[in-house]
Amino acid sequence: MKKSSNLSIGNGMVSIFLIFIALSLTCFCVLAFLSSNIDKKYTDKRCEETAKYYESDRQAREKLRLIDEMVMTSLSQGLPTELIVEQLCEIDGVKANIQGDKMKVEYQVDIDDNKNISVCLNIDKDGKYEINKWKTSASSELITDDPLNLWDGN
């Protein structure tokens, strides 16, 4: 009788190997799906924030156009600077004052609850304006909480 010296892998080992491969691929597919879902949510949030910013920027530019038209109309009518400043202060959210021979105009447009666009202009006696500040800033100051009373071990 002749004995065979060939070692063969049985059907059980191949089945276990195939099950392991199938489980591994399933786990990788689930991780890829979760990762893409998180990326989509992040992208949607960023798109929403960008849309809010550009809408606020449009409103700030519209307010600048209104201020420019009001100043040019008032100067063409020969109104004094003090009266022009009073008219500018009647626009919602606009603060204006006279500094030397220029008018300083400031206003803010909210982006959301936490951010706004701050604008500061200097307008000379000819109605030409210079934008000193046009930036996004925090709406409120940093809120500091009271320290926690943690147990110190005693």
N, C-alpha and C. Protein backbone atom coordinates (compact mmCIF):
# COMPACT_ATOMS: atom_id res chain seq x y z
N MET A 1 0.80 -1.16 0.00
CA MET A 1 0.00 0.00 0.00
C MET A 1 0.86 1.26 0.00
N LYS A 2 0.52 2.15 -0.82
CA LYS A 2 1.28 3.35 -0.98
C LYS A 2 0.58 4.49 -0.26
N LYS A 3 1.33 5.20 0.56
CA LYS A 3 0.76 6.34 1.27
C LYS A 3 1.07 7.62 0.51
N SER A 4 0.10 8.48 0.48
CA SER A 4 0.27 9.75 -0.21
C SER A 4 0.91 10.75 0.75
N SER A 5 1.91 11.42 0.32
CA SER A 5 2.59 12.42 1.16
C SER A 5 2.15 13.84 0.83
N ASN A 6 1.17 14.00 -0.01
CA ASN A 6 0.68 15.35 -0.36
C ASN A 6 -0.19 15.89 0.77
N LEU A 7 0.11 17.10 1.13
CA LEU A 7 -0.73 17.79 2.10
C LEU A 7 -1.74 18.64 1.33
N SER A 8 -2.96 18.52 1.64
CA SER A 8 -3.97 19.32 0.94
C SER A 8 -4.77 20.12 1.96
N ILE A 9 -5.21 21.26 1.49
CA ILE A 9 -6.04 22.11 2.34
C ILE A 9 -7.46 21.65 2.14
N GLY A 10 -8.14 21.42 3.20
CA GLY A 10 -9.50 20.93 3.11
C GLY A 10 -10.48 22.04 2.78
N ASN A 11 -11.70 21.65 2.52
CA ASN A 11 -12.74 22.60 2.19
C ASN A 11 -13.04 23.54 3.36
N GLY A 12 -12.83 23.13 4.56
CA GLY A 12 -13.11 23.94 5.74
C GLY A 12 -12.20 25.15 5.82
N MET A 13 -10.93 24.96 5.50
CA MET A 13 -9.98 26.06 5.57
C MET A 13 -10.28 27.11 4.49
N VAL A 14 -10.64 26.68 3.31
CA VAL A 14 -10.99 27.60 2.23
C VAL A 14 -12.25 28.38 2.59
N SER A 15 -13.23 27.73 3.19
CA SER A 15 -14.46 28.40 3.59
C SER A 15 -14.19 29.46 4.65
N ILE A 16 -13.36 29.13 5.62
CA ILE A 16 -13.01 30.10 6.67
C ILE A 16 -12.29 31.30 6.06
N PHE A 17 -11.39 31.04 5.14
CA PHE A 17 -10.65 32.11 4.48
C PHE A 17 -11.61 33.01 3.68
N LEU A 18 -12.54 32.44 2.95
CA LEU A 18 -13.50 33.22 2.17
C LEU A 18 -14.43 34.03 3.08
N ILE A 19 -14.83 33.46 4.20
CA ILE A 19 -15.67 34.20 5.15
C ILE A 19 -14.90 35.39 5.72
N PHE A 20 -13.64 35.18 6.05
CA PHE A 20 -12.79 36.27 6.56
C PHE A 20 -12.67 37.39 5.53
N ILE A 21 -12.45 37.04 4.27
CA ILE A 21 -12.33 38.05 3.21
C ILE A 21 -13.64 38.80 3.05
N ALA A 22 -14.76 38.07 3.07
CA ALA A 22 -16.07 38.73 2.92
C ALA A 22 -16.34 39.69 4.08
N LEU A 23 -16.02 39.28 5.32
CA LEU A 23 -16.21 40.16 6.47
C LEU A 23 -15.29 41.38 6.41
N SER A 24 -14.07 41.18 5.98
CA SER A 24 -13.12 42.30 5.85
C SER A 24 -13.62 43.31 4.83
N LEU A 25 -14.06 42.82 3.68
CA LEU A 25 -14.56 43.73 2.64
C LEU A 25 -15.82 44.46 3.11
N THR A 26 -16.68 43.77 3.84
CA THR A 26 -17.89 44.40 4.37
C THR A 26 -17.53 45.52 5.35
N CYS A 27 -16.58 45.26 6.22
CA CYS A 27 -16.14 46.30 7.18
C CYS A 27 -15.55 47.50 6.46
N PHE A 28 -14.72 47.25 5.45
CA PHE A 28 -14.13 48.37 4.71
C PHE A 28 -15.20 49.16 3.96
N CYS A 29 -16.19 48.49 3.43
CA CYS A 29 -17.29 49.19 2.73
C CYS A 29 -18.08 50.06 3.70
N VAL A 30 -18.37 49.54 4.89
CA VAL A 30 -19.10 50.32 5.89
C VAL A 30 -18.28 51.53 6.33
N LEU A 31 -16.98 51.35 6.56
CA LEU A 31 -16.12 52.48 6.95
C LEU A 31 -16.05 53.52 5.84
N ALA A 32 -15.95 53.09 4.59
CA ALA A 32 -15.91 54.03 3.47
C ALA A 32 -17.23 54.81 3.38
N PHE A 33 -18.35 54.13 3.58
CA PHE A 33 -19.65 54.80 3.54
C PHE A 33 -19.76 55.82 4.66
N LEU A 34 -19.35 55.46 5.89
CA LEU A 34 -19.42 56.39 7.01
C LEU A 34 -18.53 57.60 6.78
N SER A 35 -17.35 57.36 6.26
CA SER A 35 -16.42 58.45 5.98
C SER A 35 -17.00 59.41 4.93
N SER A 36 -17.56 58.87 3.88
CA SER A 36 -18.14 59.73 2.84
C SER A 36 -19.36 60.48 3.37
N ASN A 37 -20.12 59.87 4.26
CA ASN A 37 -21.28 60.54 4.85
C ASN A 37 -20.84 61.72 5.72
N ILE A 38 -19.79 61.53 6.50
CA ILE A 38 -19.26 62.62 7.33
C ILE A 38 -18.74 63.75 6.44
N ASP A 39 -18.03 63.38 5.35
CA ASP A 39 -17.53 64.40 4.42
C ASP A 39 -18.67 65.18 3.78
N LYS A 40 -19.75 64.51 3.44
CA LYS A 40 -20.91 65.18 2.84
C LYS A 40 -21.53 66.16 3.82
N LYS A 41 -21.69 65.76 5.08
CA LYS A 41 -22.26 66.66 6.08
C LYS A 41 -21.38 67.89 6.27
N TYR A 42 -20.07 67.68 6.32
CA TYR A 42 -19.13 68.79 6.47
C TYR A 42 -19.22 69.73 5.27
N THR A 43 -19.27 69.18 4.07
CA THR A 43 -19.36 69.98 2.86
C THR A 43 -20.66 70.77 2.84
N ASP A 44 -21.77 70.15 3.20
CA ASP A 44 -23.05 70.85 3.24
C ASP A 44 -23.01 72.02 4.23
N LYS A 45 -22.39 71.80 5.38
CA LYS A 45 -22.29 72.86 6.39
C LYS A 45 -21.44 74.01 5.87
N ARG A 46 -20.32 73.70 5.23
CA ARG A 46 -19.46 74.74 4.69
C ARG A 46 -20.16 75.52 3.57
N CYS A 47 -20.93 74.82 2.74
CA CYS A 47 -21.68 75.49 1.67
C CYS A 47 -22.71 76.45 2.26
N GLU A 48 -23.37 76.02 3.32
CA GLU A 48 -24.36 76.87 3.98
C GLU A 48 -23.70 78.11 4.58
N GLU A 49 -22.55 77.92 5.24
CA GLU A 49 -21.83 79.06 5.83
C GLU A 49 -21.35 80.02 4.74
N THR A 50 -20.88 79.48 3.63
CA THR A 50 -20.42 80.32 2.53
C THR A 50 -21.56 81.11 1.93
N ALA A 51 -22.71 80.47 1.76
CA ALA A 51 -23.88 81.17 1.23
C ALA A 51 -24.31 82.30 2.17
N LYS A 52 -24.28 82.05 3.48
CA LYS A 52 -24.63 83.09 4.45
C LYS A 52 -23.65 84.26 4.37
N TYR A 53 -22.35 83.93 4.24
CA TYR A 53 -21.35 84.99 4.15
C TYR A 53 -21.59 85.87 2.92
N TYR A 54 -21.79 85.25 1.77
CA TYR A 54 -21.97 86.04 0.56
C TYR A 54 -23.27 86.84 0.57
N GLU A 55 -24.30 86.32 1.21
CA GLU A 55 -25.54 87.10 1.35
C GLU A 55 -25.29 88.32 2.25
N SER A 56 -24.55 88.13 3.34
CA SER A 56 -24.23 89.26 4.23
C SER A 56 -23.32 90.26 3.53
N ASP A 57 -22.38 89.77 2.74
CA ASP A 57 -21.50 90.66 1.99
C ASP A 57 -22.30 91.47 0.97
N ARG A 58 -23.29 90.85 0.35
CA ARG A 58 -24.16 91.57 -0.58
C ARG A 58 -24.93 92.67 0.15
N GLN A 59 -25.44 92.35 1.34
CA GLN A 59 -26.17 93.35 2.12
C GLN A 59 -25.25 94.50 2.54
N ALA A 60 -24.01 94.19 2.90
CA ALA A 60 -23.06 95.23 3.29
C ALA A 60 -22.74 96.14 2.11
N ARG A 61 -22.59 95.55 0.93
CA ARG A 61 -22.33 96.36 -0.27
C ARG A 61 -23.56 97.20 -0.66
N GLU A 62 -24.73 96.65 -0.45
CA GLU A 62 -25.96 97.41 -0.71
C GLU A 62 -26.06 98.61 0.23
N LYS A 63 -25.69 98.40 1.51
CA LYS A 63 -25.72 99.51 2.47
C LYS A 63 -24.67 100.55 2.09
N LEU A 64 -23.51 100.11 1.60
CA LEU A 64 -22.48 101.04 1.14
C LEU A 64 -22.99 101.85 -0.05
N ARG A 65 -23.69 101.21 -0.97
CA ARG A 65 -24.25 101.92 -2.12
C ARG A 65 -25.27 102.97 -1.65
N LEU A 66 -26.10 102.60 -0.68
CA LEU A 66 -27.10 103.53 -0.15
C LEU A 66 -26.42 104.73 0.52
N ILE A 67 -25.38 104.48 1.29
CA ILE A 67 -24.63 105.56 1.94
C ILE A 67 -24.00 106.46 0.90
N ASP A 68 -23.40 105.87 -0.11
CA ASP A 68 -22.75 106.66 -1.16
C ASP A 68 -23.76 107.53 -1.90
N GLU A 69 -24.91 106.96 -2.25
CA GLU A 69 -25.94 107.74 -2.94
C GLU A 69 -26.44 108.88 -2.06
N MET A 70 -26.65 108.59 -0.77
CA MET A 70 -27.15 109.62 0.14
C MET A 70 -26.15 110.76 0.28
N VAL A 71 -24.87 110.42 0.43
CA VAL A 71 -23.84 111.45 0.58
C VAL A 71 -23.73 112.28 -0.69
N MET A 72 -23.71 111.63 -1.85
CA MET A 72 -23.57 112.38 -3.11
C MET A 72 -24.77 113.28 -3.36
N THR A 73 -25.97 112.78 -3.06
CA THR A 73 -27.18 113.60 -3.23
C THR A 73 -27.15 114.80 -2.28
N SER A 74 -26.77 114.55 -1.03
CA SER A 74 -26.73 115.63 -0.04
C SER A 74 -25.68 116.67 -0.39
N LEU A 75 -24.51 116.22 -0.86
CA LEU A 75 -23.47 117.17 -1.24
C LEU A 75 -23.87 117.96 -2.47
N SER A 76 -24.56 117.33 -3.41
CA SER A 76 -24.99 118.07 -4.62
C SER A 76 -26.04 119.13 -4.27
N GLN A 77 -26.78 118.92 -3.18
CA GLN A 77 -27.77 119.90 -2.73
C GLN A 77 -27.13 120.97 -1.84
N GLY A 78 -25.86 120.80 -1.51
CA GLY A 78 -25.15 121.78 -0.71
C GLY A 78 -25.44 121.71 0.78
N LEU A 79 -25.86 120.55 1.27
CA LEU A 79 -26.16 120.41 2.71
C LEU A 79 -24.87 120.40 3.52
N PRO A 80 -24.89 120.94 4.73
CA PRO A 80 -23.69 120.91 5.58
C PRO A 80 -23.39 119.48 6.06
N THR A 81 -22.14 119.29 6.42
CA THR A 81 -21.67 117.96 6.83
C THR A 81 -22.42 117.44 8.04
N GLU A 82 -22.76 118.33 8.99
CA GLU A 82 -23.47 117.90 10.19
C GLU A 82 -24.83 117.29 9.85
N LEU A 83 -25.51 117.89 8.88
CA LEU A 83 -26.81 117.39 8.48
C LEU A 83 -26.68 116.05 7.74
N ILE A 84 -25.62 115.92 6.96
CA ILE A 84 -25.37 114.64 6.26
C ILE A 84 -25.13 113.53 7.27
N VAL A 85 -24.36 113.83 8.31
CA VAL A 85 -24.09 112.84 9.35
C VAL A 85 -25.39 112.42 10.04
N GLU A 86 -26.26 113.37 10.31
CA GLU A 86 -27.55 113.05 10.93
C GLU A 86 -28.39 112.14 10.02
N GLN A 87 -28.37 112.44 8.72
CA GLN A 87 -29.11 111.60 7.78
C GLN A 87 -28.54 110.18 7.73
N LEU A 88 -27.22 110.08 7.77
CA LEU A 88 -26.59 108.75 7.74
C LEU A 88 -26.94 107.95 8.99
N CYS A 89 -27.03 108.61 10.12
CA CYS A 89 -27.36 107.91 11.37
C CYS A 89 -28.79 107.38 11.37
N GLU A 90 -29.65 107.90 10.49
CA GLU A 90 -31.02 107.41 10.39
C GLU A 90 -31.10 106.06 9.67
N ILE A 91 -30.05 105.69 8.93
CA ILE A 91 -30.01 104.38 8.28
C ILE A 91 -29.81 103.33 9.36
N ASP A 92 -30.55 102.24 9.26
CA ASP A 92 -30.52 101.18 10.28
C ASP A 92 -29.11 100.63 10.49
N GLY A 93 -28.60 100.75 11.71
CA GLY A 93 -27.32 100.17 12.09
C GLY A 93 -26.10 101.00 11.73
N VAL A 94 -26.28 102.18 11.18
CA VAL A 94 -25.16 103.01 10.76
C VAL A 94 -24.85 104.03 11.85
N LYS A 95 -23.55 104.12 12.18
CA LYS A 95 -23.07 105.14 13.12
C LYS A 95 -22.15 106.06 12.33
N ALA A 96 -22.38 107.35 12.46
CA ALA A 96 -21.56 108.32 11.73
C ALA A 96 -21.20 109.48 12.64
N ASN A 97 -20.00 110.02 12.43
CA ASN A 97 -19.58 111.21 13.16
C ASN A 97 -18.56 111.97 12.32
N ILE A 98 -18.25 113.16 12.76
CA ILE A 98 -17.30 114.01 12.04
C ILE A 98 -15.96 113.93 12.76
N GLN A 99 -14.92 113.67 11.98
CA GLN A 99 -13.56 113.66 12.51
C GLN A 99 -12.70 114.54 11.62
N GLY A 100 -12.43 115.73 12.09
CA GLY A 100 -11.67 116.68 11.28
C GLY A 100 -12.50 117.14 10.09
N ASP A 101 -11.95 116.98 8.90
CA ASP A 101 -12.68 117.38 7.70
C ASP A 101 -13.34 116.18 7.01
N LYS A 102 -13.37 115.02 7.69
CA LYS A 102 -13.96 113.81 7.12
C LYS A 102 -15.10 113.31 7.99
N MET A 103 -15.95 112.52 7.37
CA MET A 103 -17.02 111.83 8.10
C MET A 103 -16.59 110.38 8.28
N LYS A 104 -16.72 109.88 9.49
CA LYS A 104 -16.41 108.47 9.76
C LYS A 104 -17.74 107.73 9.89
N VAL A 105 -17.89 106.68 9.09
CA VAL A 105 -19.13 105.91 9.06
C VAL A 105 -18.79 104.46 9.37
N GLU A 106 -19.57 103.86 10.30
CA GLU A 106 -19.37 102.47 10.68
C GLU A 106 -20.72 101.75 10.67
N TYR A 107 -20.69 100.49 10.27
CA TYR A 107 -21.88 99.65 10.37
C TYR A 107 -21.47 98.19 10.35
N GLN A 108 -22.41 97.33 10.74
CA GLN A 108 -22.18 95.89 10.78
C GLN A 108 -23.36 95.18 10.14
N VAL A 109 -23.06 94.07 9.49
CA VAL A 109 -24.09 93.21 8.92
C VAL A 109 -23.86 91.82 9.49
N ASP A 110 -24.90 91.25 10.10
CA ASP A 110 -24.77 89.93 10.72
C ASP A 110 -24.70 88.83 9.66
N ILE A 111 -23.77 87.90 9.89
CA ILE A 111 -23.68 86.70 9.05
C ILE A 111 -24.54 85.61 9.69
N ASP A 112 -24.30 85.37 10.96
CA ASP A 112 -25.11 84.45 11.76
C ASP A 112 -25.05 84.94 13.20
N ASP A 113 -25.41 84.08 14.14
CA ASP A 113 -25.42 84.50 15.55
C ASP A 113 -24.03 84.81 16.09
N ASN A 114 -23.00 84.24 15.49
CA ASN A 114 -21.66 84.37 16.03
C ASN A 114 -20.73 85.29 15.25
N LYS A 115 -21.06 85.61 14.01
CA LYS A 115 -20.15 86.39 13.16
C LYS A 115 -20.90 87.52 12.47
N ASN A 116 -20.13 88.57 12.14
CA ASN A 116 -20.69 89.66 11.35
C ASN A 116 -19.60 90.28 10.49
N ILE A 117 -20.02 91.10 9.55
CA ILE A 117 -19.09 91.85 8.72
C ILE A 117 -19.08 93.28 9.25
N SER A 118 -17.90 93.74 9.67
CA SER A 118 -17.75 95.10 10.19
C SER A 118 -17.14 95.98 9.10
N VAL A 119 -17.75 97.14 8.90
CA VAL A 119 -17.29 98.06 7.85
C VAL A 119 -17.05 99.43 8.48
N CYS A 120 -15.94 100.05 8.10
CA CYS A 120 -15.60 101.40 8.57
C CYS A 120 -15.14 102.21 7.36
N LEU A 121 -15.76 103.38 7.16
CA LEU A 121 -15.47 104.24 6.01
C LEU A 121 -15.05 105.62 6.47
N ASN A 122 -14.22 106.26 5.68
CA ASN A 122 -13.94 107.69 5.83
C ASN A 122 -14.42 108.36 4.56
N ILE A 123 -15.27 109.38 4.69
CA ILE A 123 -15.81 110.09 3.53
C ILE A 123 -15.32 111.52 3.61
N ASP A 124 -14.69 111.99 2.52
CA ASP A 124 -14.18 113.36 2.53
C ASP A 124 -15.27 114.34 2.09
N LYS A 125 -14.91 115.61 2.03
CA LYS A 125 -15.89 116.65 1.73
C LYS A 125 -16.38 116.62 0.29
N ASP A 126 -15.68 115.89 -0.59
CA ASP A 126 -16.11 115.75 -1.98
C ASP A 126 -16.98 114.52 -2.20
N GLY A 127 -17.18 113.73 -1.16
CA GLY A 127 -18.02 112.53 -1.26
C GLY A 127 -17.25 111.28 -1.62
N LYS A 128 -15.95 111.38 -1.74
CA LYS A 128 -15.14 110.19 -2.03
C LYS A 128 -14.91 109.44 -0.72
N TYR A 129 -15.09 108.14 -0.79
CA TYR A 129 -14.93 107.36 0.44
C TYR A 129 -13.74 106.43 0.34
N GLU A 130 -13.21 106.13 1.51
CA GLU A 130 -12.10 105.20 1.64
C GLU A 130 -12.54 104.14 2.64
N ILE A 131 -12.43 102.87 2.24
CA ILE A 131 -12.81 101.78 3.14
C ILE A 131 -11.61 101.47 4.03
N ASN A 132 -11.76 101.74 5.32
CA ASN A 132 -10.68 101.45 6.27
C ASN A 132 -10.74 100.02 6.79
N LYS A 133 -11.96 99.51 6.91
CA LYS A 133 -12.11 98.16 7.47
C LYS A 133 -13.30 97.49 6.80
N TRP A 134 -13.08 96.28 6.37
CA TRP A 134 -14.15 95.43 5.83
C TRP A 134 -13.74 94.02 6.20
N LYS A 135 -14.16 93.56 7.36
CA LYS A 135 -13.68 92.27 7.82
C LYS A 135 -14.76 91.50 8.58
N THR A 136 -14.55 90.22 8.62
CA THR A 136 -15.43 89.35 9.38
C THR A 136 -14.91 89.29 10.80
N SER A 137 -15.80 89.46 11.76
CA SER A 137 -15.38 89.42 13.16
C SER A 137 -16.45 88.72 13.99
N ALA A 138 -16.06 88.38 15.20
CA ALA A 138 -16.99 87.73 16.12
C ALA A 138 -18.03 88.73 16.61
N SER A 139 -19.26 88.27 16.74
CA SER A 139 -20.34 89.15 17.18
C SER A 139 -20.26 89.50 18.65
N SER A 140 -19.74 88.60 19.44
CA SER A 140 -19.69 88.84 20.88
C SER A 140 -18.30 88.50 21.40
N GLU A 141 -18.06 88.96 22.59
CA GLU A 141 -16.79 88.67 23.23
C GLU A 141 -16.72 87.21 23.66
N LEU A 142 -15.53 86.77 23.94
CA LEU A 142 -15.33 85.41 24.41
C LEU A 142 -16.00 85.24 25.77
N ILE A 143 -16.78 84.20 25.90
CA ILE A 143 -17.49 83.95 27.15
C ILE A 143 -16.63 83.02 28.00
N THR A 144 -16.26 83.50 29.16
CA THR A 144 -15.48 82.66 30.06
C THR A 144 -16.40 82.13 31.14
N ASP A 145 -16.35 80.85 31.32
CA ASP A 145 -17.18 80.21 32.33
C ASP A 145 -16.47 80.25 33.67
N ASP A 146 -17.25 80.08 34.72
CA ASP A 146 -16.65 79.96 36.04
C ASP A 146 -15.91 78.63 36.11
N PRO A 147 -14.82 78.59 36.87
CA PRO A 147 -14.09 77.32 36.95
C PRO A 147 -14.91 76.26 37.62
N LEU A 148 -14.67 75.03 37.22
CA LEU A 148 -15.39 73.90 37.81
C LEU A 148 -14.83 73.58 39.18
N ASN A 149 -15.70 73.22 40.10
CA ASN A 149 -15.26 72.79 41.42
C ASN A 149 -15.00 71.29 41.36
N LEU A 150 -13.76 70.96 41.09
CA LEU A 150 -13.39 69.55 40.96
C LEU A 150 -12.88 69.02 42.29
N TRP A 151 -13.08 67.75 42.49
CA TRP A 151 -12.62 67.11 43.72
C TRP A 151 -11.11 67.02 43.67
N ASP A 152 -10.43 67.49 44.73
CA ASP A 152 -8.98 67.51 44.77
C ASP A 152 -8.40 66.32 45.50
N GLY A 153 -9.19 65.38 45.85
CA GLY A 153 -8.68 64.17 46.49
C GLY A 153 -8.77 64.17 48.00
N ASN A 154 -9.20 65.24 48.60
CA ASN A 154 -9.29 65.32 50.06
C ASN A 154 -10.71 65.15 50.52
